[in-house]
Amino acid sequence: MIVTLNGKETEIDDGSSIISLLESKQITPDTVVIELNAEIIPADAFGSTIIKDGDHLEVLRFVGGG
């Protein structure tokens, strides 16, 4: 299925959860916030939130600075 990930169309497996998407992209779940269709998804829901064809996801990374 096709989803939009950070503004780019990306093909992922049907039935993928947010956590499986992050793992496939080698992204550590503890360091990001996920926005799914303009809604922030709590980290404890990454494993149970199933991505659907046509969904829009933004992966927002925490960056330290000063």
Foldseek 3Di string as FASTA:
>chain_A
DWEAEQNRIDDDDAFDFQVNVCVVVVHDLVFWWKQKQNRTDDSVCRRVHTDDPHIYMYIGGDDDDD
